[in-house]
Protein backbone atom coordinates (compact mmCIF):
# COMPACT_ATOMS: atom_id res chain seq x y z
CA MET A 1 46.18 3.40 21.40
CA ASN A 2 44.47 5.60 18.85
CA THR A 3 40.69 4.98 18.60
CA THR A 4 38.06 6.84 16.69
CA LEU A 5 35.00 8.30 18.33
CA LYS A 6 32.81 5.68 16.69
CA GLU A 7 34.89 2.83 18.11
CA SER A 8 34.97 4.20 21.63
CA SER A 9 31.49 5.61 22.06
CA SER A 10 28.30 3.92 23.15
CA PRO A 11 25.45 3.23 20.71
CA ARG A 12 23.48 6.03 22.36
CA ALA A 13 26.28 8.53 21.75
CA SER A 14 26.52 7.32 18.17
CA GLU A 15 22.77 7.90 17.69
CA ALA A 16 23.13 11.41 19.09
CA LEU A 17 26.01 12.18 16.74
CA THR A 18 24.00 10.85 13.79
CA PHE A 19 21.02 13.01 14.78
CA PHE A 20 23.12 16.18 15.04
CA ALA A 21 24.89 15.44 11.77
CA ASN A 22 21.51 15.05 10.05
CA PHE A 23 20.19 18.17 11.75
CA LEU A 24 23.16 20.27 10.74
CA SER A 25 23.15 19.01 7.16
CA GLY A 26 19.57 20.11 6.49
CA GLY A 27 17.88 16.93 7.64
CA PHE A 28 15.68 18.64 10.20
CA ILE A 29 12.37 18.02 8.38
CA PRO A 30 13.02 14.28 7.86
CA VAL A 31 14.04 13.97 11.53
CA MET A 32 10.84 15.69 12.62
CA ARG A 33 8.80 13.34 10.40
CA GLN A 34 10.56 10.33 11.88
CA TRP A 35 9.89 11.57 15.42
CA ALA A 36 6.22 12.08 14.59
CA GLU A 37 6.00 8.58 13.09
CA VAL A 38 7.67 6.98 16.11
CA ASN A 39 5.42 8.96 18.44
CA GLN A 40 2.33 7.72 16.55
CA GLN A 41 3.56 4.13 16.59
CA ARG A 42 4.12 4.26 20.35
CA HIS A 43 0.67 5.76 20.82
CA ASP A 44 -0.82 2.94 18.73
CA LEU A 45 1.16 0.38 20.72
CA ALA A 46 -0.30 1.79 23.94
CA THR A 47 -3.83 1.11 22.70
CA LEU A 48 -3.31 -2.59 21.95
CA THR A 49 -4.90 -5.22 24.17
CA ASP A 50 -2.87 -7.97 25.82
CA TYR A 51 -4.26 -10.39 23.23
CA GLU A 52 -3.11 -8.15 20.36
CA LEU A 53 0.33 -7.72 21.93
CA ARG A 54 0.70 -11.50 22.29
CA ASP A 55 -0.38 -11.86 18.67
CA ILE A 56 2.54 -9.69 17.53
CA GLY A 57 4.92 -11.43 19.91
CA ILE A 58 5.56 -8.88 22.64
CA THR A 59 4.60 -8.67 26.29
CA ARG A 60 2.84 -5.81 28.03
CA GLU A 61 6.11 -5.10 29.82
CA ASP A 62 7.99 -4.85 26.50
CA ALA A 63 5.30 -2.50 25.20
CA MET A 64 5.49 -0.31 28.30
CA LEU A 65 9.27 -0.05 28.00
CA GLU A 66 8.93 1.07 24.37
CA ILE A 67 6.10 3.51 25.15
CA ALA A 68 8.11 5.11 27.97
CA LYS A 69 10.99 6.08 25.65
CA PRO A 70 11.30 9.75 24.73
CA PHE A 71 10.21 10.55 21.17
CA TRP A 72 13.75 11.24 20.01
CA GLU A 73 14.97 7.80 21.10
CA ILE A 74 14.37 5.55 18.15
């Protein structure tokens, strides 16, 4: 059976390929901006109270899982 890389790879591998394609095609600055934005959003998420988290519909555990992700994992 003949499958393409996209069909056979995991979503994580697909994200990595997309990142490197963007990086190699001159998209380094936009990628850096996106990383900075995600990093800031996770920092902001870490400062929310349990009440504020409930208000936006997520649990503390969900928030901690998101906060623990590396900056490049979007």
